[in-house]
Amino acid sequence: MAGMKQVEDFEIKVSSKVKPYHYVGVGLPNVYLVGVTYRVQHGTGLQSADIPCLPDLLDALAKALLTKRAPLSGDEMRFMRKRLRLASKDFAGFVGVSVEQYSRLENGSTVTPTVDRVVRFLYVALGKLPVEAAEAVARTTWTAELDHAERIIASQDENHNWIVKTKAA
């Protein structure tokens, strides 16, 4: 439109080591990014960032959490569960605690060393499964009953890949 002047209502910045971008969108309160372009809206101070290769960033964050020496926080457990795309109800069952107990853990209760270790191992194990297999594991109801009559039968297909099936003896 002739005569109309578009006014920029935000400032574009690039984060640095001195002034990193506080990335809260991942659900962790302590993630800061260096080298990303972001915009700050004038007046409100609202920020938004252009984050390249987001899946790679999320994988790197998960790896950092898995290898850190301190216990996981509730926010970190929630991050890992959500990366696995599991409902808290299903994840609680894997961890071996009630839904209510797991909710308390994600919301700030102290995480015991055993639960911490189980969550880390679950993330590694379930993260390596194809999505369909991880979903099947999530839908499985586990029992403590042993069925010694069930056989595990392994055979190779024409491409020499192992196929494993179970059936009653």
N, C-alpha and C. Protein backbone atom coordinates (compact mmCIF):
# COMPACT_ATOMS: atom_id res chain seq x y z
N MET A 1 0.84 -1.17 0.00
CA MET A 1 0.00 0.00 0.00
C MET A 1 0.89 1.24 0.00
N ALA A 2 0.60 2.13 -0.88
CA ALA A 2 1.40 3.34 -1.02
C ALA A 2 1.27 4.21 0.22
N GLY A 3 2.39 4.73 0.66
CA GLY A 3 2.39 5.64 1.79
C GLY A 3 2.40 4.97 3.15
N MET A 4 2.19 3.62 3.20
CA MET A 4 2.21 2.93 4.51
C MET A 4 3.62 2.44 4.79
N LYS A 5 4.04 2.64 5.97
CA LYS A 5 5.38 2.23 6.39
C LYS A 5 5.24 1.08 7.39
N GLN A 6 5.89 -0.03 7.08
CA GLN A 6 5.83 -1.16 8.01
C GLN A 6 6.85 -0.94 9.11
N VAL A 7 6.40 -1.02 10.33
CA VAL A 7 7.27 -0.83 11.49
C VAL A 7 7.61 -2.21 12.06
N GLU A 8 8.89 -2.45 12.23
CA GLU A 8 9.33 -3.69 12.85
C GLU A 8 8.93 -3.66 14.32
N ASP A 9 8.23 -4.69 14.77
CA ASP A 9 7.83 -4.71 16.17
C ASP A 9 8.66 -5.70 16.99
N PHE A 10 9.79 -6.14 16.40
CA PHE A 10 10.68 -7.03 17.13
C PHE A 10 12.12 -6.76 16.72
N GLU A 11 13.02 -7.19 17.58
CA GLU A 11 14.45 -7.07 17.32
C GLU A 11 15.02 -8.46 17.11
N ILE A 12 15.85 -8.63 16.09
CA ILE A 12 16.48 -9.91 15.81
C ILE A 12 17.85 -9.94 16.47
N LYS A 13 18.13 -11.03 17.19
CA LYS A 13 19.40 -11.17 17.89
C LYS A 13 19.98 -12.56 17.61
N VAL A 14 21.26 -12.71 17.89
CA VAL A 14 21.92 -14.02 17.84
C VAL A 14 22.51 -14.27 19.22
N SER A 15 22.18 -15.43 19.80
CA SER A 15 22.66 -15.72 21.15
C SER A 15 24.17 -16.00 21.14
N SER A 16 24.79 -15.75 22.27
CA SER A 16 26.23 -15.95 22.40
C SER A 16 26.52 -16.61 23.75
N LYS A 17 27.78 -16.93 23.99
CA LYS A 17 28.15 -17.49 25.29
C LYS A 17 27.88 -16.49 26.40
N VAL A 18 28.07 -15.23 26.10
CA VAL A 18 27.84 -14.19 27.10
C VAL A 18 26.34 -13.99 27.34
N LYS A 19 25.54 -14.04 26.25
CA LYS A 19 24.09 -13.87 26.35
C LYS A 19 23.41 -15.04 25.62
N PRO A 20 23.36 -16.21 26.25
CA PRO A 20 22.70 -17.36 25.60
C PRO A 20 21.18 -17.19 25.59
N TYR A 21 20.54 -17.93 24.68
CA TYR A 21 19.08 -17.91 24.59
C TYR A 21 18.51 -18.95 25.57
N HIS A 22 17.64 -18.53 26.47
CA HIS A 22 17.01 -19.43 27.44
C HIS A 22 15.87 -20.16 26.74
N TYR A 23 16.08 -21.45 26.45
CA TYR A 23 15.10 -22.24 25.70
C TYR A 23 14.20 -23.00 26.67
N VAL A 24 13.00 -22.49 26.86
CA VAL A 24 12.06 -23.11 27.80
C VAL A 24 11.10 -24.07 27.09
N GLY A 25 11.07 -24.05 25.77
CA GLY A 25 10.13 -24.86 25.02
C GLY A 25 10.32 -26.35 25.16
N VAL A 26 11.43 -26.78 25.67
CA VAL A 26 11.72 -28.20 25.83
C VAL A 26 11.19 -28.75 27.16
N GLY A 27 10.76 -27.85 28.05
CA GLY A 27 10.23 -28.29 29.33
C GLY A 27 11.26 -28.41 30.42
N LEU A 28 12.48 -28.04 30.14
CA LEU A 28 13.54 -28.06 31.14
C LEU A 28 13.90 -26.61 31.46
N PRO A 29 14.03 -26.28 32.74
CA PRO A 29 14.25 -24.88 33.11
C PRO A 29 15.68 -24.38 32.91
N ASN A 30 16.61 -25.28 32.61
CA ASN A 30 18.02 -24.91 32.61
C ASN A 30 18.73 -25.11 31.27
N VAL A 31 18.00 -24.96 30.15
CA VAL A 31 18.60 -25.14 28.83
C VAL A 31 18.83 -23.78 28.20
N TYR A 32 20.08 -23.53 27.82
CA TYR A 32 20.47 -22.27 27.19
C TYR A 32 21.19 -22.60 25.88
N LEU A 33 20.84 -21.89 24.81
CA LEU A 33 21.40 -22.17 23.49
C LEU A 33 22.32 -21.03 23.06
N VAL A 34 23.42 -21.40 22.44
CA VAL A 34 24.38 -20.43 21.92
C VAL A 34 24.38 -20.56 20.39
N GLY A 35 24.39 -19.41 19.72
CA GLY A 35 24.48 -19.41 18.26
C GLY A 35 23.16 -19.53 17.53
N VAL A 36 22.05 -19.31 18.21
CA VAL A 36 20.75 -19.36 17.53
C VAL A 36 20.22 -17.95 17.32
N THR A 37 19.48 -17.80 16.23
CA THR A 37 18.83 -16.52 15.94
C THR A 37 17.49 -16.51 16.65
N TYR A 38 17.19 -15.37 17.31
CA TYR A 38 15.91 -15.25 17.98
C TYR A 38 15.39 -13.83 17.87
N ARG A 39 14.10 -13.69 18.10
CA ARG A 39 13.44 -12.40 18.01
C ARG A 39 12.88 -12.02 19.38
N VAL A 40 13.00 -10.74 19.71
CA VAL A 40 12.43 -10.21 20.94
C VAL A 40 11.40 -9.16 20.54
N GLN A 41 10.17 -9.38 20.94
CA GLN A 41 9.09 -8.46 20.60
C GLN A 41 9.18 -7.21 21.46
N HIS A 42 9.15 -6.05 20.79
CA HIS A 42 9.18 -4.77 21.52
C HIS A 42 7.92 -4.65 22.37
N GLY A 43 8.06 -4.09 23.52
CA GLY A 43 6.92 -3.86 24.39
C GLY A 43 6.64 -5.02 25.32
N THR A 44 6.52 -6.24 24.76
CA THR A 44 6.18 -7.40 25.60
C THR A 44 7.41 -8.17 26.06
N GLY A 45 8.48 -8.11 25.27
CA GLY A 45 9.68 -8.88 25.61
C GLY A 45 9.57 -10.35 25.24
N LEU A 46 8.45 -10.77 24.64
CA LEU A 46 8.29 -12.17 24.23
C LEU A 46 9.37 -12.54 23.23
N GLN A 47 9.86 -13.77 23.34
CA GLN A 47 10.94 -14.23 22.48
C GLN A 47 10.53 -15.48 21.72
N SER A 48 11.09 -15.62 20.52
CA SER A 48 10.94 -16.85 19.75
C SER A 48 12.24 -17.08 19.00
N ALA A 49 12.61 -18.34 18.84
CA ALA A 49 13.91 -18.66 18.25
C ALA A 49 13.77 -19.57 17.05
N ASP A 50 14.75 -19.48 16.17
CA ASP A 50 14.89 -20.41 15.05
C ASP A 50 15.90 -21.46 15.51
N ILE A 51 15.42 -22.67 15.79
CA ILE A 51 16.31 -23.70 16.32
C ILE A 51 16.55 -24.73 15.23
N PRO A 52 17.77 -24.75 14.68
CA PRO A 52 18.07 -25.71 13.62
C PRO A 52 18.23 -27.13 14.17
N CYS A 53 17.85 -28.10 13.38
CA CYS A 53 18.04 -29.52 13.73
C CYS A 53 17.50 -29.85 15.12
N LEU A 54 16.25 -29.48 15.39
CA LEU A 54 15.66 -29.68 16.71
C LEU A 54 15.73 -31.13 17.19
N PRO A 55 15.42 -32.13 16.34
CA PRO A 55 15.53 -33.52 16.84
C PRO A 55 16.94 -33.85 17.34
N ASP A 56 17.96 -33.34 16.66
CA ASP A 56 19.33 -33.60 17.10
C ASP A 56 19.61 -32.93 18.44
N LEU A 57 19.08 -31.72 18.63
CA LEU A 57 19.23 -31.03 19.92
C LEU A 57 18.57 -31.85 21.03
N LEU A 58 17.35 -32.33 20.79
CA LEU A 58 16.64 -33.11 21.80
C LEU A 58 17.39 -34.40 22.13
N ASP A 59 17.97 -35.05 21.12
CA ASP A 59 18.76 -36.25 21.36
C ASP A 59 20.00 -35.92 22.20
N ALA A 60 20.65 -34.80 21.88
CA ALA A 60 21.85 -34.40 22.63
C ALA A 60 21.50 -34.08 24.08
N LEU A 61 20.35 -33.43 24.30
CA LEU A 61 19.91 -33.14 25.67
C LEU A 61 19.65 -34.43 26.43
N ALA A 62 18.98 -35.39 25.78
CA ALA A 62 18.71 -36.67 26.43
C ALA A 62 20.00 -37.38 26.80
N LYS A 63 20.98 -37.37 25.89
CA LYS A 63 22.26 -38.01 26.18
C LYS A 63 22.94 -37.35 27.37
N ALA A 64 22.87 -36.02 27.43
CA ALA A 64 23.47 -35.31 28.57
C ALA A 64 22.78 -35.71 29.87
N LEU A 65 21.46 -35.86 29.84
CA LEU A 65 20.73 -36.27 31.04
C LEU A 65 21.08 -37.70 31.44
N LEU A 66 21.19 -38.59 30.45
CA LEU A 66 21.51 -39.98 30.74
C LEU A 66 22.88 -40.15 31.39
N THR A 67 23.81 -39.28 31.04
CA THR A 67 25.18 -39.45 31.51
C THR A 67 25.55 -38.53 32.67
N LYS A 68 24.63 -37.68 33.09
CA LYS A 68 24.97 -36.79 34.21
C LYS A 68 25.09 -37.59 35.50
N ARG A 69 25.92 -37.10 36.39
CA ARG A 69 26.19 -37.83 37.63
C ARG A 69 25.14 -37.57 38.71
N ALA A 70 24.50 -36.43 38.66
CA ALA A 70 23.48 -36.10 39.67
C ALA A 70 22.18 -36.83 39.34
N PRO A 71 21.34 -37.04 40.35
CA PRO A 71 20.04 -37.68 40.09
C PRO A 71 19.19 -36.85 39.13
N LEU A 72 18.31 -37.52 38.42
CA LEU A 72 17.38 -36.84 37.52
C LEU A 72 16.37 -36.04 38.33
N SER A 73 15.98 -34.92 37.80
CA SER A 73 14.90 -34.13 38.42
C SER A 73 13.57 -34.59 37.82
N GLY A 74 12.48 -34.15 38.40
CA GLY A 74 11.16 -34.47 37.85
C GLY A 74 11.00 -33.94 36.44
N ASP A 75 11.47 -32.72 36.17
CA ASP A 75 11.39 -32.15 34.83
C ASP A 75 12.18 -32.99 33.84
N GLU A 76 13.33 -33.49 34.26
CA GLU A 76 14.16 -34.31 33.38
C GLU A 76 13.50 -35.66 33.09
N MET A 77 12.86 -36.24 34.11
CA MET A 77 12.14 -37.50 33.89
C MET A 77 10.98 -37.27 32.91
N ARG A 78 10.26 -36.18 33.07
CA ARG A 78 9.14 -35.86 32.17
C ARG A 78 9.66 -35.68 30.74
N PHE A 79 10.78 -34.98 30.58
CA PHE A 79 11.37 -34.78 29.26
C PHE A 79 11.67 -36.12 28.60
N MET A 80 12.29 -37.02 29.35
CA MET A 80 12.66 -38.32 28.79
C MET A 80 11.41 -39.14 28.44
N ARG A 81 10.42 -39.12 29.31
CA ARG A 81 9.17 -39.85 29.04
C ARG A 81 8.50 -39.31 27.78
N LYS A 82 8.44 -38.00 27.67
CA LYS A 82 7.80 -37.40 26.49
C LYS A 82 8.59 -37.68 25.22
N ARG A 83 9.91 -37.75 25.32
CA ARG A 83 10.72 -38.10 24.14
C ARG A 83 10.38 -39.50 23.66
N LEU A 84 9.99 -40.37 24.58
CA LEU A 84 9.59 -41.73 24.22
C LEU A 84 8.14 -41.80 23.75
N ARG A 85 7.43 -40.67 23.86
CA ARG A 85 6.01 -40.57 23.48
C ARG A 85 5.14 -41.54 24.28
N LEU A 86 5.41 -41.60 25.57
CA LEU A 86 4.64 -42.49 26.45
C LEU A 86 3.81 -41.68 27.42
N ALA A 87 2.61 -42.18 27.68
CA ALA A 87 1.76 -41.58 28.71
C ALA A 87 2.39 -41.85 30.08
N SER A 88 2.16 -40.96 31.02
CA SER A 88 2.74 -41.15 32.36
C SER A 88 2.23 -42.44 32.99
N LYS A 89 0.99 -42.82 32.69
CA LYS A 89 0.42 -44.06 33.22
C LYS A 89 1.25 -45.27 32.77
N ASP A 90 1.58 -45.31 31.48
CA ASP A 90 2.37 -46.43 30.96
C ASP A 90 3.79 -46.40 31.51
N PHE A 91 4.38 -45.22 31.58
CA PHE A 91 5.75 -45.11 32.07
C PHE A 91 5.83 -45.49 33.54
N ALA A 92 4.82 -45.10 34.32
CA ALA A 92 4.79 -45.47 35.74
C ALA A 92 4.82 -46.99 35.89
N GLY A 93 4.08 -47.68 35.04
CA GLY A 93 4.08 -49.14 35.08
C GLY A 93 5.44 -49.73 34.79
N PHE A 94 6.15 -49.15 33.81
CA PHE A 94 7.50 -49.62 33.50
C PHE A 94 8.45 -49.40 34.67
N VAL A 95 8.32 -48.25 35.30
CA VAL A 95 9.20 -47.90 36.42
C VAL A 95 8.89 -48.76 37.63
N GLY A 96 7.65 -49.22 37.75
CA GLY A 96 7.25 -50.07 38.87
C GLY A 96 6.66 -49.29 40.03
N VAL A 97 6.07 -48.13 39.73
CA VAL A 97 5.42 -47.33 40.76
C VAL A 97 3.99 -47.03 40.32
N SER A 98 3.16 -46.60 41.25
CA SER A 98 1.79 -46.25 40.90
C SER A 98 1.78 -44.97 40.06
N VAL A 99 0.68 -44.73 39.38
CA VAL A 99 0.52 -43.51 38.59
C VAL A 99 0.67 -42.28 39.49
N GLU A 100 0.09 -42.36 40.68
CA GLU A 100 0.16 -41.24 41.62
C GLU A 100 1.60 -40.99 42.07
N GLN A 101 2.33 -42.07 42.39
CA GLN A 101 3.73 -41.92 42.80
C GLN A 101 4.55 -41.30 41.67
N TYR A 102 4.31 -41.78 40.44
CA TYR A 102 5.07 -41.26 39.32
C TYR A 102 4.76 -39.78 39.09
N SER A 103 3.51 -39.41 39.22
CA SER A 103 3.12 -38.01 39.08
C SER A 103 3.86 -37.14 40.10
N ARG A 104 3.94 -37.62 41.33
CA ARG A 104 4.66 -36.88 42.36
C ARG A 104 6.14 -36.73 42.00
N LEU A 105 6.73 -37.78 41.42
CA LEU A 105 8.14 -37.72 41.02
C LEU A 105 8.36 -36.65 39.95
N GLU A 106 7.49 -36.63 38.95
CA GLU A 106 7.63 -35.63 37.89
C GLU A 106 7.35 -34.22 38.40
N ASN A 107 6.63 -34.12 39.50
CA ASN A 107 6.28 -32.81 40.02
C ASN A 107 7.12 -32.38 41.22
N GLY A 108 8.28 -33.02 41.41
CA GLY A 108 9.23 -32.51 42.39
C GLY A 108 9.58 -33.37 43.57
N SER A 109 8.92 -34.52 43.76
CA SER A 109 9.32 -35.39 44.87
C SER A 109 10.73 -35.92 44.62
N THR A 110 11.40 -36.27 45.68
CA THR A 110 12.76 -36.79 45.56
C THR A 110 12.76 -38.12 44.81
N VAL A 111 13.65 -38.22 43.84
CA VAL A 111 13.79 -39.43 43.04
C VAL A 111 14.82 -40.33 43.73
N THR A 112 14.42 -41.56 44.01
CA THR A 112 15.35 -42.49 44.65
C THR A 112 16.39 -42.95 43.63
N PRO A 113 17.56 -43.39 44.09
CA PRO A 113 18.57 -43.88 43.15
C PRO A 113 18.07 -45.03 42.28
N THR A 114 17.23 -45.90 42.83
CA THR A 114 16.71 -47.03 42.04
C THR A 114 15.79 -46.55 40.93
N VAL A 115 14.87 -45.66 41.25
CA VAL A 115 13.96 -45.13 40.22
C VAL A 115 14.76 -44.36 39.17
N ASP A 116 15.74 -43.59 39.60
CA ASP A 116 16.59 -42.85 38.68
C ASP A 116 17.24 -43.80 37.67
N ARG A 117 17.81 -44.88 38.17
CA ARG A 117 18.49 -45.86 37.32
C ARG A 117 17.50 -46.53 36.37
N VAL A 118 16.33 -46.90 36.87
CA VAL A 118 15.31 -47.55 36.04
C VAL A 118 14.87 -46.62 34.90
N VAL A 119 14.63 -45.36 35.20
CA VAL A 119 14.20 -44.40 34.18
C VAL A 119 15.28 -44.27 33.10
N ARG A 120 16.53 -44.19 33.50
CA ARG A 120 17.61 -44.07 32.52
C ARG A 120 17.69 -45.31 31.63
N PHE A 121 17.61 -46.49 32.24
CA PHE A 121 17.67 -47.72 31.45
C PHE A 121 16.46 -47.85 30.53
N LEU A 122 15.29 -47.48 31.02
CA LEU A 122 14.10 -47.53 30.18
C LEU A 122 14.24 -46.63 28.96
N TYR A 123 14.78 -45.44 29.19
CA TYR A 123 14.94 -44.52 28.06
C TYR A 123 15.86 -45.13 27.01
N VAL A 124 16.97 -45.68 27.45
CA VAL A 124 17.91 -46.28 26.51
C VAL A 124 17.27 -47.46 25.79
N ALA A 125 16.63 -48.35 26.54
CA ALA A 125 16.05 -49.55 25.94
C ALA A 125 14.91 -49.21 24.99
N LEU A 126 13.96 -48.41 25.45
CA LEU A 126 12.80 -48.11 24.61
C LEU A 126 13.15 -47.17 23.47
N GLY A 127 14.17 -46.35 23.66
CA GLY A 127 14.59 -45.44 22.60
C GLY A 127 15.21 -46.15 21.42
N LYS A 128 15.72 -47.36 21.63
CA LYS A 128 16.34 -48.12 20.54
C LYS A 128 15.34 -48.96 19.76
N LEU A 129 14.15 -49.14 20.32
CA LEU A 129 13.14 -49.94 19.63
C LEU A 129 12.48 -49.14 18.52
N PRO A 130 12.06 -49.81 17.45
CA PRO A 130 11.23 -49.11 16.47
C PRO A 130 9.94 -48.64 17.15
N VAL A 131 9.33 -47.58 16.62
CA VAL A 131 8.16 -46.98 17.25
C VAL A 131 7.07 -48.02 17.51
N GLU A 132 6.81 -48.89 16.54
CA GLU A 132 5.74 -49.89 16.70
C GLU A 132 6.05 -50.83 17.87
N ALA A 133 7.29 -51.25 17.98
CA ALA A 133 7.66 -52.17 19.06
C ALA A 133 7.57 -51.48 20.42
N ALA A 134 8.01 -50.23 20.50
CA ALA A 134 7.93 -49.49 21.76
C ALA A 134 6.47 -49.31 22.18
N GLU A 135 5.59 -49.04 21.20
CA GLU A 135 4.16 -48.90 21.50
C GLU A 135 3.58 -50.23 21.98
N ALA A 136 4.01 -51.33 21.38
CA ALA A 136 3.54 -52.65 21.81
C ALA A 136 3.98 -52.93 23.25
N VAL A 137 5.21 -52.58 23.58
CA VAL A 137 5.70 -52.76 24.95
C VAL A 137 4.86 -51.91 25.91
N ALA A 138 4.56 -50.68 25.49
CA ALA A 138 3.79 -49.78 26.34
C ALA A 138 2.38 -50.31 26.59
N ARG A 139 1.80 -51.04 25.64
CA ARG A 139 0.45 -51.57 25.80
C ARG A 139 0.42 -52.89 26.57
N THR A 140 1.56 -53.50 26.79
CA THR A 140 1.62 -54.80 27.44
C THR A 140 1.34 -54.67 28.93
N THR A 141 0.55 -55.59 29.46
CA THR A 141 0.33 -55.66 30.90
C THR A 141 1.26 -56.72 31.45
N TRP A 142 2.12 -56.33 32.36
CA TRP A 142 3.12 -57.24 32.90
C TRP A 142 2.58 -57.92 34.15
N THR A 143 2.90 -59.20 34.29
CA THR A 143 2.52 -59.93 35.48
C THR A 143 3.76 -60.60 36.06
N ALA A 144 3.67 -60.99 37.31
CA ALA A 144 4.79 -61.66 37.96
C ALA A 144 4.74 -63.17 37.77
N GLU A 145 3.69 -63.65 37.12
CA GLU A 145 3.54 -65.09 36.93
C GLU A 145 4.49 -65.59 35.86
N LEU A 146 5.13 -66.72 36.12
CA LEU A 146 6.03 -67.32 35.15
C LEU A 146 5.31 -68.43 34.41
N ASP A 147 5.49 -68.47 33.11
CA ASP A 147 4.90 -69.52 32.31
C ASP A 147 6.03 -70.34 31.71
N HIS A 148 6.43 -71.38 32.44
CA HIS A 148 7.54 -72.20 31.97
C HIS A 148 7.16 -73.06 30.77
N ALA A 149 5.87 -73.13 30.47
CA ALA A 149 5.44 -73.92 29.32
C ALA A 149 5.59 -73.14 28.01
N GLU A 150 5.87 -71.85 28.10
CA GLU A 150 6.01 -71.05 26.87
C GLU A 150 7.40 -71.26 26.29
N ARG A 151 7.44 -71.53 25.00
CA ARG A 151 8.71 -71.72 24.32
C ARG A 151 9.07 -70.48 23.52
N ILE A 152 10.34 -70.22 23.47
CA ILE A 152 10.86 -69.16 22.60
C ILE A 152 11.54 -69.87 21.44
N ILE A 153 11.04 -69.62 20.26
CA ILE A 153 11.56 -70.30 19.07
C ILE A 153 12.22 -69.27 18.17
N ALA A 154 13.48 -69.47 17.87
CA ALA A 154 14.23 -68.56 17.00
C ALA A 154 14.62 -69.29 15.73
N SER A 155 14.41 -68.63 14.61
CA SER A 155 14.82 -69.18 13.32
C SER A 155 15.28 -68.03 12.43
N GLN A 156 15.98 -68.38 11.37
CA GLN A 156 16.45 -67.35 10.46
C GLN A 156 15.59 -67.33 9.20
N ASP A 157 15.36 -66.13 8.67
CA ASP A 157 14.63 -66.02 7.42
C ASP A 157 15.61 -66.13 6.25
N GLU A 158 15.10 -65.93 5.03
CA GLU A 158 15.95 -66.09 3.84
C GLU A 158 17.10 -65.10 3.78
N ASN A 159 17.01 -63.99 4.52
CA ASN A 159 18.10 -62.99 4.56
C ASN A 159 19.01 -63.19 5.77
N HIS A 160 18.85 -64.31 6.46
CA HIS A 160 19.64 -64.66 7.63
C HIS A 160 19.40 -63.73 8.82
N ASN A 161 18.22 -63.10 8.87
CA ASN A 161 17.81 -62.31 10.02
C ASN A 161 17.09 -63.23 10.99
N TRP A 162 17.35 -63.06 12.28
CA TRP A 162 16.70 -63.90 13.28
C TRP A 162 15.27 -63.45 13.50
N ILE A 163 14.37 -64.40 13.51
CA ILE A 163 12.96 -64.18 13.82
C ILE A 163 12.68 -64.94 15.11
N VAL A 164 12.15 -64.26 16.12
CA VAL A 164 11.89 -64.90 17.41
C VAL A 164 10.39 -64.86 17.67
N LYS A 165 9.83 -66.03 18.02
CA LYS A 165 8.41 -66.15 18.33
C LYS A 165 8.25 -66.91 19.63
N THR A 166 7.14 -66.70 20.29
CA THR A 166 6.84 -67.47 21.49
C THR A 166 5.54 -68.22 21.25
N LYS A 167 5.44 -69.40 21.86
CA LYS A 167 4.20 -70.15 21.80
C LYS A 167 4.16 -71.12 22.97
N ALA A 168 2.95 -71.53 23.29
CA ALA A 168 2.78 -72.49 24.39
C ALA A 168 3.39 -73.82 23.99
N ALA A 169 4.01 -74.50 24.95
CA ALA A 169 4.65 -75.78 24.68
C ALA A 169 3.64 -76.87 24.44
